[in-house]
């Protein structure tokens, strides 16, 4: 970027970019945006340990009907009758799992997920069935009568927002991760970086009133480069030039905000990159996380977008959980957001054709699930090597599930879906929630193979937030609709 182009960036745009990259304190945030303070929050206390939540968002709507598959003869027969020929995974290829609790059914995983099968068998992975956005509990009869339906069902943008805010019936002002961070900020007021870190850019999940998300790349902090800066990072010696461009000496509050954000970005980036440097380029990390994913069913290897995100999360957790005196951040709580796209598979979900029916085991969804399985496995093993397996919980989220019948080449937007919760504190090798009746126009269907959720995301996320340290009295602050549902804690952790 030359000097002229740099100078032509509008002040508002520069501020937006820099703030997204590096703002993480109350004072900094207060100087650049209005805050809507939380009214009901009570300061959290008595937190001395380290814990982290890691959200893995499957953007586009994952077809969880092919992630977790029923293997009981009668259930599989329903599955195969409706999903054959384009989507049905052959029963002989399904990876069986042994579940400690029984709902009368048996289950297995997509054949591209042997790593998840291993984690489930080790008791570190749990399945949550048929969860989704709900305003109130809703039956099929109520749905058909137009009662209690969340707004804008089956819309990507709206459902992503509702999943990340857990507020389907209110304007989206904050994310539930952001509200947790706002509450827990009081236990670490001198934290050197934000409680919330995103590996996937700006997101709704981590929008708070007090705490702002901190965006990093899979290589580390996003450095602020100056004209003539050597490759590899910001040149702090050129900071006076930057200040002159921004209009210093300080003329008004806006100029002060520019300068503060810019300096904060440079200093925080350097601090973060220094803290994660011990885990850069070592066999400890590079041999654990796959650069390329090769599906076990065949097909070519491909570069993973999720694995490097989770690798950086592991490095940040290593730094975050380390005391400041030892070169770390000395954090008590951290929230991470990762995202991988490609799940909106209206076509090309499998490579099935009449000439090659066995190619149902190949295709875009197979690749995505192989990436998910291998990346989550690597991340869990990294946490175990760090000695933090019981301190870190990762979980999946997605826009929605997908229709049970095929649309011809893939599947369409659905509603309720199945999800994964992983970690040493998870009560794994068990299922939670209710598996839907796999019948079009059955008791769990809207009418087109879209499952009506029997568990609200409020319950899902409140269970995670409780483990994370949100006091019971503050759960209603984070999840205002939680009282509409029974069982605010699902017991999976």
Protein backbone atom coordinates (compact mmCIF):
# COMPACT_ATOMS: atom_id res chain seq x y z
CA UNK A 1 0.00 0.00 0.00
CA UNK A 2 1.54 3.36 -0.96
CA UNK A 3 1.36 6.50 1.18
CA UNK A 4 -1.34 8.11 -0.95
CA UNK A 5 -3.66 5.11 -0.83
CA UNK A 6 -3.08 4.81 2.90
CA UNK A 7 -4.00 8.45 3.40
CA UNK A 8 -7.14 8.04 1.30
CA UNK A 9 -8.65 5.41 3.61
CA UNK A 10 -11.54 7.07 5.38
CA UNK A 11 -11.18 7.63 9.09
CA UNK A 12 -14.30 5.64 9.78
CA UNK A 13 -13.10 2.69 7.66
CA UNK A 14 -9.65 2.69 9.23
CA UNK A 15 -11.16 2.72 12.68
CA UNK A 16 -13.48 -0.17 11.81
CA UNK A 17 -10.63 -2.30 10.45
CA UNK A 18 -8.26 -1.65 13.29
CA UNK A 19 -10.90 -2.10 15.96
CA UNK A 20 -11.97 -5.45 14.54
CA UNK A 21 -8.37 -6.63 14.66
CA UNK A 22 -7.31 -5.51 18.05
CA UNK A 23 -9.77 -3.91 20.47
CA UNK A 24 -10.25 -5.81 23.69
CA UNK A 25 -10.60 -3.46 26.64
CA UNK A 26 -13.44 -1.49 28.16
CA UNK A 27 -11.73 1.87 27.74
CA UNK A 28 -10.82 1.29 24.12
CA UNK A 29 -14.26 0.09 23.19
CA UNK A 30 -15.93 2.98 25.00
CA UNK A 31 -13.95 5.46 22.94
CA UNK A 32 -15.14 4.18 19.57
CA UNK A 33 -18.71 2.99 19.99
CA UNK A 34 -21.76 3.40 22.17
CA UNK A 35 -22.28 0.63 24.70
CA UNK A 36 -25.60 -0.84 25.71
CA UNK A 37 -24.72 -2.00 29.21
CA UNK A 38 -26.09 -5.23 30.61
CA UNK A 39 -28.82 -4.43 33.11
CA UNK A 40 -29.19 -7.68 35.03
CA UNK A 41 -25.59 -8.85 35.23
CA UNK A 42 -24.10 -9.61 38.61
CA UNK A 43 -20.31 -9.79 38.78
CA UNK A 44 -18.97 -13.32 38.64
CA UNK A 45 -16.60 -14.41 41.38
CA UNK A 46 -14.57 -17.26 42.82
CA UNK A 47 -13.09 -18.34 39.48
CA UNK A 48 -9.46 -19.38 39.74
CA UNK A 49 -9.05 -22.13 37.12
CA UNK A 50 -8.68 -22.00 33.34
CA UNK A 51 -11.45 -22.96 30.91
CA UNK A 52 -12.04 -22.45 27.21
CA UNK A 53 -15.00 -22.89 24.88
CA UNK A 54 -14.36 -23.54 21.19
CA UNK A 55 -17.25 -23.08 18.74
CA UNK A 56 -16.87 -24.90 15.42
CA UNK A 57 -19.46 -23.42 13.07
CA UNK A 58 -20.37 -25.54 10.03
CA UNK A 59 -21.52 -22.80 7.70
CA UNK A 60 -24.27 -23.59 5.22
CA UNK A 61 -26.27 -26.17 7.18
CA UNK A 62 -24.77 -29.59 7.87
CA UNK A 63 -26.71 -32.69 6.79
CA UNK A 64 -26.47 -34.32 10.20
CA UNK A 65 -28.80 -37.08 9.00
CA UNK A 66 -25.66 -38.52 7.41
CA UNK A 67 -23.33 -37.66 10.29
CA UNK A 68 -25.15 -39.80 12.87
CA UNK A 69 -27.11 -42.67 11.32
CA UNK A 70 -29.45 -45.17 13.03
CA UNK A 71 -28.31 -48.78 12.70
CA UNK A 72 -31.23 -50.63 14.32
CA UNK A 73 -32.84 -52.64 11.52
CA UNK A 74 -36.23 -50.93 11.57
CA UNK A 75 -34.74 -47.44 11.90
CA UNK A 76 -32.19 -48.01 9.18
CA UNK A 77 -34.90 -49.32 6.90
CA UNK A 78 -36.75 -45.99 7.23
CA UNK A 79 -33.51 -44.13 6.62
CA UNK A 80 -32.60 -46.11 3.52
CA UNK A 81 -36.11 -46.08 2.05
CA UNK A 82 -36.17 -42.28 1.92
CA UNK A 83 -32.51 -41.44 1.29
CA UNK A 84 -31.82 -44.06 -1.39
CA UNK A 85 -30.27 -43.82 -3.89
CA UNK A 86 -28.51 -40.43 -3.77
CA UNK A 87 -27.89 -39.95 -0.03
CA UNK A 88 -28.24 -43.29 1.77
CA UNK A 89 -24.97 -44.58 3.25
CA UNK A 90 -24.83 -48.40 2.95
CA UNK A 91 -25.33 -50.02 6.33
CA UNK A 92 -22.14 -52.06 5.90
CA UNK A 93 -20.09 -48.83 5.64
CA UNK A 94 -21.48 -47.12 8.76
CA UNK A 95 -19.03 -46.91 11.68
CA UNK A 96 -20.85 -48.41 14.68
CA UNK A 97 -20.55 -46.85 18.13
CA UNK A 98 -21.37 -48.34 21.50
CA UNK A 99 -23.54 -46.01 23.56
CA UNK A 100 -23.57 -46.27 27.36
CA UNK A 101 -27.11 -44.96 27.70
CA UNK A 102 -29.87 -46.48 25.62
CA UNK A 103 -32.97 -44.98 24.04
CA UNK A 104 -33.83 -48.29 22.40
CA UNK A 105 -31.91 -47.47 19.21
CA UNK A 106 -28.36 -48.01 18.01
CA UNK A 107 -26.27 -45.54 16.04
CA UNK A 108 -23.23 -45.16 13.87
CA UNK A 109 -21.15 -42.46 12.23
CA UNK A 110 -20.51 -41.58 8.62
CA UNK A 111 -17.67 -43.77 7.28
CA UNK A 112 -15.41 -40.73 6.88
CA UNK A 113 -15.35 -40.21 10.67
CA UNK A 114 -13.21 -42.98 12.24
CA UNK A 115 -11.50 -40.42 14.46
CA UNK A 116 -14.84 -39.34 15.92
CA UNK A 117 -15.69 -43.01 16.41
CA UNK A 118 -12.49 -43.37 18.47
CA UNK A 119 -13.22 -40.29 20.58
CA UNK A 120 -16.77 -41.45 21.22
CA UNK A 121 -15.49 -44.85 22.34
CA UNK A 122 -13.04 -43.15 24.69
CA UNK A 123 -15.92 -41.33 26.40
CA UNK A 124 -14.78 -37.86 25.28
CA UNK A 125 -17.46 -37.19 22.67
CA UNK A 126 -21.23 -36.89 23.09
CA UNK A 127 -24.08 -36.62 20.57
CA UNK A 128 -26.90 -34.11 20.97
CA UNK A 129 -29.94 -35.02 18.86
CA UNK A 130 -32.39 -32.78 17.03
CA UNK A 131 -31.59 -29.37 18.45
CA UNK A 132 -32.42 -26.07 16.81
CA UNK A 133 -33.75 -22.54 17.15
CA UNK A 134 -36.98 -22.33 19.14
CA UNK A 135 -39.03 -19.48 20.56
CA UNK A 136 -41.10 -21.91 22.64
CA UNK A 137 -41.44 -25.69 22.57
CA UNK A 138 -43.47 -26.52 19.47
CA UNK A 139 -45.34 -29.61 18.28
CA UNK A 140 -46.11 -30.56 14.70
CA UNK A 141 -49.73 -29.48 15.17
CA UNK A 142 -48.66 -26.09 16.50
CA UNK A 143 -46.21 -25.65 13.65
CA UNK A 144 -48.85 -26.43 11.02
CA UNK A 145 -51.16 -23.96 12.75
CA UNK A 146 -48.48 -21.28 12.52
CA UNK A 147 -47.85 -21.11 16.27
CA UNK A 148 -44.55 -20.62 18.11
CA UNK A 149 -42.39 -20.60 14.98
CA UNK A 150 -39.07 -18.75 15.01
CA UNK A 151 -38.95 -16.03 12.36
CA UNK A 152 -37.25 -16.61 9.02
CA UNK A 153 -36.86 -20.36 9.29
CA UNK A 154 -34.66 -21.96 6.59
CA UNK A 155 -32.88 -18.66 5.85
CA UNK A 156 -29.11 -18.93 6.10
CA UNK A 157 -28.41 -15.42 7.37
CA UNK A 158 -31.29 -15.38 9.88
CA UNK A 159 -30.66 -18.83 11.26
CA UNK A 160 -26.91 -18.23 11.59
CA UNK A 161 -27.73 -15.12 13.59
CA UNK A 162 -30.24 -16.96 15.76
CA UNK A 163 -27.78 -19.78 16.45
CA UNK A 164 -25.06 -17.32 17.40
CA UNK A 165 -27.27 -15.06 19.54
CA UNK A 166 -29.73 -17.61 20.99
CA UNK A 167 -32.36 -14.88 20.62
CA UNK A 168 -34.66 -15.79 17.73
CA UNK A 169 -37.44 -13.39 18.75
CA UNK A 170 -35.40 -10.28 19.52
CA UNK A 171 -33.25 -7.89 17.46
CA UNK A 172 -29.70 -9.29 17.29
CA UNK A 173 -27.61 -6.93 19.43
CA UNK A 174 -25.13 -9.34 21.03
CA UNK A 175 -24.04 -12.96 20.71
CA UNK A 176 -24.33 -15.44 23.54
CA UNK A 177 -20.56 -15.87 23.61
CA UNK A 178 -20.23 -12.11 23.92
CA UNK A 179 -22.68 -12.01 26.80
CA UNK A 180 -20.72 -14.73 28.61
CA UNK A 181 -17.52 -12.76 28.09
CA UNK A 182 -19.13 -9.57 29.41
CA UNK A 183 -20.11 -11.36 32.61
CA UNK A 184 -16.77 -13.11 33.10
CA UNK A 185 -14.60 -10.10 32.29
CA UNK A 186 -14.71 -9.14 35.96
CA UNK A 187 -12.67 -12.20 36.96
CA UNK A 188 -9.73 -11.06 34.81
CA UNK A 189 -9.92 -7.27 34.42
CA UNK A 190 -6.22 -6.98 33.54
CA UNK A 191 -6.26 -9.66 30.82
CA UNK A 192 -3.72 -8.65 28.15
CA UNK A 193 -5.96 -9.77 25.27
CA UNK A 194 -9.69 -10.14 24.76
CA UNK A 195 -11.54 -13.10 26.25
CA UNK A 196 -12.93 -13.74 22.76
CA UNK A 197 -10.75 -14.70 19.80
CA UNK A 198 -11.98 -15.42 16.28
CA UNK A 199 -10.13 -17.43 13.66
CA UNK A 200 -12.84 -16.69 11.11
CA UNK A 201 -13.13 -12.92 11.14
CA UNK A 202 -15.98 -10.89 12.55
CA UNK A 203 -18.89 -13.00 13.80
CA UNK A 204 -22.13 -12.49 15.69
CA UNK A 205 -21.42 -15.14 18.34
CA UNK A 206 -18.66 -13.02 19.93
CA UNK A 207 -20.37 -9.62 19.86
CA UNK A 208 -20.52 -8.27 23.41
CA UNK A 209 -21.53 -5.04 25.07
CA UNK A 210 -18.25 -4.64 26.94
CA UNK A 211 -15.76 -7.07 25.43
CA UNK A 212 -14.90 -7.03 21.73
CA UNK A 213 -13.73 -10.02 19.73
CA UNK A 214 -10.10 -10.19 18.69
CA UNK A 215 -9.45 -11.50 15.18
CA UNK A 216 -6.31 -13.45 14.36
CA UNK A 217 -5.22 -15.45 11.35
CA UNK A 218 -3.98 -19.02 11.26
CA UNK A 219 -0.47 -17.53 11.31
CA UNK A 220 -1.02 -15.30 14.32
CA UNK A 221 -1.97 -11.71 15.03
CA UNK A 222 -2.94 -9.61 12.04
CA UNK A 223 -0.17 -7.04 11.92
CA UNK A 224 -0.71 -3.42 10.92
CA UNK A 225 1.70 -2.78 8.05
CA UNK A 226 3.13 0.60 7.13
CA UNK A 227 4.51 1.77 3.79
CA UNK A 228 7.95 0.26 3.45
CA UNK A 229 7.43 -2.17 6.30
CA UNK A 230 9.53 -5.34 5.90
CA UNK A 231 7.49 -8.47 5.31
CA UNK A 232 6.51 -10.32 8.44
CA UNK A 233 5.00 -7.69 10.67
CA UNK A 234 4.43 -4.12 11.72
CA UNK A 235 7.32 -1.72 12.04
CA UNK A 236 6.80 0.10 15.31
CA UNK A 237 9.56 2.56 14.40
CA UNK A 238 7.20 4.01 11.81
CA UNK A 239 4.50 4.69 14.39
CA UNK A 240 5.18 8.46 14.40
CA UNK A 241 4.50 8.55 10.66
CA UNK A 242 1.20 6.80 11.28
CA UNK A 243 0.28 9.25 13.99
CA UNK A 244 0.93 12.16 11.65
CA UNK A 245 -1.31 10.59 9.02
CA UNK A 246 -4.01 10.25 11.63
CA UNK A 247 -3.92 13.95 12.37
CA UNK A 248 -1.93 14.20 15.58
CA UNK A 249 -1.22 16.04 17.78
CA UNK A 250 -4.58 15.17 19.29
CA UNK A 251 -7.18 17.58 17.93
CA UNK A 252 -10.34 15.85 19.05
CA UNK A 253 -11.70 12.64 20.52
CA UNK A 254 -11.89 11.00 17.13
CA UNK A 255 -8.19 11.56 16.51
CA UNK A 256 -7.41 10.17 19.93
CA UNK A 257 -9.45 7.09 19.11
CA UNK A 258 -7.54 6.56 15.86
CA UNK A 259 -4.24 6.79 17.62
CA UNK A 260 -5.29 4.60 20.51
CA UNK A 261 -6.63 1.84 18.30
CA UNK A 262 -3.58 1.90 16.05
CA UNK A 263 -1.12 1.73 18.91
CA UNK A 264 -3.18 -0.93 20.66
CA UNK A 265 -3.23 -3.03 17.48
CA UNK A 266 0.53 -2.88 17.09
CA UNK A 267 1.31 -3.61 20.74
CA UNK A 268 -1.25 -6.36 21.19
CA UNK A 269 -0.21 -8.06 17.95
CA UNK A 270 3.40 -8.12 19.04
CA UNK A 271 2.43 -9.43 22.48
CA UNK A 272 0.32 -12.23 21.03
CA UNK A 273 2.84 -13.33 18.42
CA UNK A 274 5.56 -13.42 21.04
CA UNK A 275 3.41 -15.51 23.39
CA UNK A 276 2.61 -18.16 20.76
CA UNK A 277 6.15 -18.34 19.39
CA UNK A 278 7.15 -21.38 21.52
CA UNK A 279 4.63 -23.54 19.61
CA UNK A 280 5.61 -22.32 16.13
CA UNK A 281 7.05 -24.86 13.72
CA UNK A 282 7.58 -27.64 16.24
CA UNK A 283 6.85 -31.30 15.59
CA UNK A 284 4.56 -31.15 18.59
CA UNK A 285 2.07 -29.21 16.47
CA UNK A 286 2.78 -29.79 12.81
CA UNK A 287 2.73 -33.56 13.03
CA UNK A 288 -0.56 -33.54 14.90
CA UNK A 289 -2.79 -31.32 12.79
CA UNK A 290 -3.29 -32.44 9.18
CA UNK A 291 -2.36 -29.93 6.50
CA UNK A 292 -4.20 -32.06 3.98
CA UNK A 293 -7.20 -34.32 4.56
CA UNK A 294 -7.56 -37.66 2.80
CA UNK A 295 -11.04 -39.24 3.15
CA UNK A 296 -10.77 -42.91 4.11
CA UNK A 297 -13.27 -43.88 1.38
CA UNK A 298 -10.99 -42.58 -1.34
CA UNK A 299 -10.85 -39.45 -3.42
CA UNK A 300 -8.03 -36.96 -3.57
CA UNK A 301 -6.38 -35.22 -0.64
CA UNK A 302 -7.27 -31.58 -0.13
CA UNK A 303 -6.06 -28.71 2.03
CA UNK A 304 -8.03 -28.27 5.23
CA UNK A 305 -9.37 -24.88 6.30
CA UNK A 306 -10.50 -26.11 9.74
CA UNK A 307 -7.32 -27.86 10.86
CA UNK A 308 -5.10 -24.73 10.79
CA UNK A 309 -7.79 -22.78 12.66
CA UNK A 310 -7.90 -25.36 15.45
CA UNK A 311 -4.12 -25.57 15.46
CA UNK A 312 -3.93 -21.83 16.12
CA UNK A 313 -6.62 -22.17 18.81
CA UNK A 314 -4.45 -24.82 20.48
CA UNK A 315 -1.45 -22.49 20.36
CA UNK A 316 -3.51 -19.65 21.81
CA UNK A 317 -4.79 -21.91 24.58
CA UNK A 318 -1.22 -22.93 25.38
CA UNK A 319 -0.32 -19.24 25.70
CA UNK A 320 -3.56 -18.21 27.39
CA UNK A 321 -3.32 -20.82 30.13
CA UNK A 322 0.33 -19.99 30.88
CA UNK A 323 1.12 -17.49 33.61
CA UNK A 324 2.28 -14.01 32.59
CA UNK A 325 5.52 -14.58 34.50
CA UNK A 326 6.23 -17.51 32.18
CA UNK A 327 5.53 -15.62 28.97
CA UNK A 328 1.81 -16.36 28.65
CA UNK A 329 -1.39 -14.38 29.08
CA UNK A 330 -2.49 -15.73 32.47
CA UNK A 331 -6.10 -16.00 31.29
CA UNK A 332 -8.87 -17.65 33.29
CA UNK A 333 -11.49 -17.84 30.54
CA UNK A 334 -11.25 -17.80 26.74
CA UNK A 335 -13.85 -18.20 23.98
CA UNK A 336 -12.85 -19.15 20.43
CA UNK A 337 -14.75 -19.15 17.15
CA UNK A 338 -13.81 -21.24 14.10
CA UNK A 339 -15.80 -21.63 10.91
CA UNK A 340 -15.67 -23.83 7.84
CA UNK A 341 -17.93 -23.32 4.84
CA UNK A 342 -19.22 -25.56 2.07
CA UNK A 343 -22.07 -27.30 3.91
CA UNK A 344 -24.88 -25.81 1.78
CA UNK A 345 -25.05 -28.88 -0.43
CA UNK A 346 -28.07 -28.55 -2.66
CA UNK A 347 -26.06 -30.44 -5.24
CA UNK A 348 -22.96 -32.58 -5.29
CA UNK A 349 -23.48 -33.82 -1.75
CA UNK A 350 -22.40 -37.26 -2.93
CA UNK A 351 -20.95 -38.44 -6.23
CA UNK A 352 -23.75 -40.95 -6.77
CA UNK A 353 -24.75 -41.78 -10.32
CA UNK A 354 -26.76 -44.61 -11.80
CA UNK A 355 -23.58 -45.85 -13.45
CA UNK A 356 -21.57 -45.62 -10.20
CA UNK A 357 -23.95 -46.15 -7.27
CA UNK A 358 -21.08 -46.86 -4.85
CA UNK A 359 -19.95 -43.27 -5.28
CA UNK A 360 -22.53 -42.35 -2.67
CA UNK A 361 -19.56 -42.76 -0.31
CA UNK A 362 -17.69 -40.00 -2.14
CA UNK A 363 -18.44 -36.34 -2.67
CA UNK A 364 -18.38 -32.95 -0.98
CA UNK A 365 -20.07 -34.02 2.26
CA UNK A 366 -17.69 -36.95 2.70
CA UNK A 367 -14.76 -34.55 2.39
CA UNK A 368 -16.24 -32.08 4.86
CA UNK A 369 -16.95 -34.74 7.48
CA UNK A 370 -13.48 -36.23 7.05
CA UNK A 371 -12.04 -32.77 7.67
CA UNK A 372 -14.24 -32.30 10.74
CA UNK A 373 -13.32 -35.69 12.15
CA UNK A 374 -9.56 -35.42 11.64
CA UNK A 375 -9.38 -31.81 12.85
CA UNK A 376 -11.41 -32.37 16.03
CA UNK A 377 -9.36 -35.47 16.80
CA UNK A 378 -6.09 -33.54 16.41
CA UNK A 379 -7.40 -30.74 18.60
CA UNK A 380 -8.43 -33.10 21.38
CA UNK A 381 -5.05 -34.83 21.31
CA UNK A 382 -3.37 -31.41 21.52
CA UNK A 383 -5.40 -30.56 24.60
CA UNK A 384 -4.38 -33.86 26.16
CA UNK A 385 -0.71 -33.14 25.46
CA UNK A 386 -1.11 -29.74 27.11
CA UNK A 387 -2.73 -31.34 30.14
CA UNK A 388 -5.88 -29.28 29.53
CA UNK A 389 -8.29 -31.93 28.24
CA UNK A 390 -10.68 -31.32 31.14
CA UNK A 391 -10.42 -27.54 30.77
CA UNK A 392 -11.41 -27.15 27.12
CA UNK A 393 -14.73 -28.05 25.49
CA UNK A 394 -15.37 -27.78 21.76
CA UNK A 395 -18.79 -28.02 20.17
CA UNK A 396 -20.40 -27.81 16.75
CA UNK A 397 -23.05 -25.41 15.54
CA UNK A 398 -24.60 -24.85 12.11
CA UNK A 399 -27.32 -22.85 10.35
CA UNK A 400 -29.71 -25.81 10.47
CA UNK A 401 -30.02 -29.44 9.44
CA UNK A 402 -31.15 -30.48 5.99
CA UNK A 403 -34.16 -32.22 4.50
CA UNK A 404 -34.33 -35.96 4.94
CA UNK A 405 -35.37 -36.67 1.33
CA UNK A 406 -32.97 -35.74 -1.44
CA UNK A 407 -33.77 -32.91 -3.81
CA UNK A 408 -32.19 -34.93 -6.61
CA UNK A 409 -28.48 -34.15 -6.17
CA UNK A 410 -28.27 -33.11 -2.54
CA UNK A 411 -30.59 -31.84 0.18
CA UNK A 412 -32.40 -28.62 1.01
CA UNK A 413 -32.53 -26.38 4.07
CA UNK A 414 -33.89 -28.07 7.16
CA UNK A 415 -34.32 -27.20 10.83
CA UNK A 416 -33.39 -29.52 13.73
CA UNK A 417 -29.97 -31.16 13.56
CA UNK A 418 -27.55 -33.32 15.53
CA UNK A 419 -24.38 -31.92 17.11
CA UNK A 420 -21.09 -32.95 18.71
CA UNK A 421 -19.66 -31.95 22.10
CA UNK A 422 -16.01 -32.88 22.75
CA UNK A 423 -13.70 -32.63 25.74
CA UNK A 424 -12.37 -34.34 28.83
CA UNK A 425 -15.16 -32.89 30.98
CA UNK A 426 -17.86 -34.16 28.61
CA UNK A 427 -19.94 -37.13 29.76
CA UNK A 428 -19.20 -38.87 26.52
CA UNK A 429 -20.14 -42.11 24.83
CA UNK A 430 -23.71 -41.03 25.48
CA UNK A 431 -26.53 -39.41 23.54
CA UNK A 432 -28.65 -36.48 24.67
CA UNK A 433 -31.96 -35.21 23.41
CA UNK A 434 -34.48 -37.19 21.35
CA UNK A 435 -33.72 -38.80 18.02
CA UNK A 436 -36.47 -37.87 15.53
CA UNK A 437 -38.86 -40.35 13.95
CA UNK A 438 -37.40 -40.74 10.46
CA UNK A 439 -40.71 -40.46 8.67
CA UNK A 440 -41.80 -37.77 6.25
CA UNK A 441 -45.02 -36.25 7.63
CA UNK A 442 -44.29 -38.05 10.88
CA UNK A 443 -44.53 -36.55 14.38
CA UNK A 444 -41.21 -34.67 14.11
CA UNK A 445 -41.60 -33.40 10.54
CA UNK A 446 -42.79 -30.02 9.33
CA UNK A 447 -44.04 -31.81 6.15
CA UNK A 448 -40.96 -32.10 3.91
CA UNK A 449 -38.47 -33.98 6.04
CA UNK A 450 -37.43 -30.98 8.10
CA UNK A 451 -37.19 -32.08 11.73
CA UNK A 452 -38.93 -29.92 14.33
CA UNK A 453 -36.35 -29.49 17.12
CA UNK A 454 -37.13 -31.23 20.38
CA UNK A 455 -34.25 -29.50 22.20
CA UNK A 456 -33.71 -25.74 22.07
CA UNK A 457 -30.30 -24.27 21.38
CA UNK A 458 -30.89 -22.26 24.58
CA UNK A 459 -30.65 -25.52 26.54
CA UNK A 460 -27.61 -26.66 24.55
CA UNK A 461 -25.69 -23.46 25.09
CA UNK A 462 -26.82 -22.85 28.68
CA UNK A 463 -25.34 -26.24 29.60
CA UNK A 464 -22.00 -25.14 28.11
CA UNK A 465 -22.21 -21.71 29.76
CA UNK A 466 -22.87 -23.27 33.18
CA UNK A 467 -19.75 -25.39 32.88
CA UNK A 468 -17.85 -22.34 31.67
CA UNK A 469 -18.62 -20.48 34.86
CA UNK A 470 -21.77 -18.42 34.32
CA UNK A 471 -23.57 -18.37 37.66
CA UNK A 472 -27.09 -19.90 37.72
CA UNK A 473 -28.53 -16.50 38.59
CA UNK A 474 -27.01 -15.01 35.44
CA UNK A 475 -28.10 -17.67 32.96
CA UNK A 476 -31.26 -15.71 32.25
CA UNK A 477 -29.11 -12.69 31.40
CA UNK A 478 -27.23 -14.67 28.77
CA UNK A 479 -30.26 -16.69 27.64
CA UNK A 480 -33.42 -14.65 28.25
CA UNK A 481 -35.69 -17.35 26.79
CA UNK A 482 -34.24 -20.25 28.77
CA UNK A 483 -37.12 -20.33 31.26
CA UNK A 484 -39.52 -21.31 28.47
CA UNK A 485 -37.94 -24.77 28.29
CA UNK A 486 -37.65 -27.59 30.77
CA UNK A 487 -34.20 -28.89 31.73
CA UNK A 488 -32.00 -25.79 31.46
CA UNK A 489 -29.03 -28.13 31.95
CA UNK A 490 -28.92 -31.16 29.64
CA UNK A 491 -26.26 -32.89 31.74
CA UNK A 492 -23.75 -33.69 29.01
CA UNK A 493 -20.87 -31.99 30.84
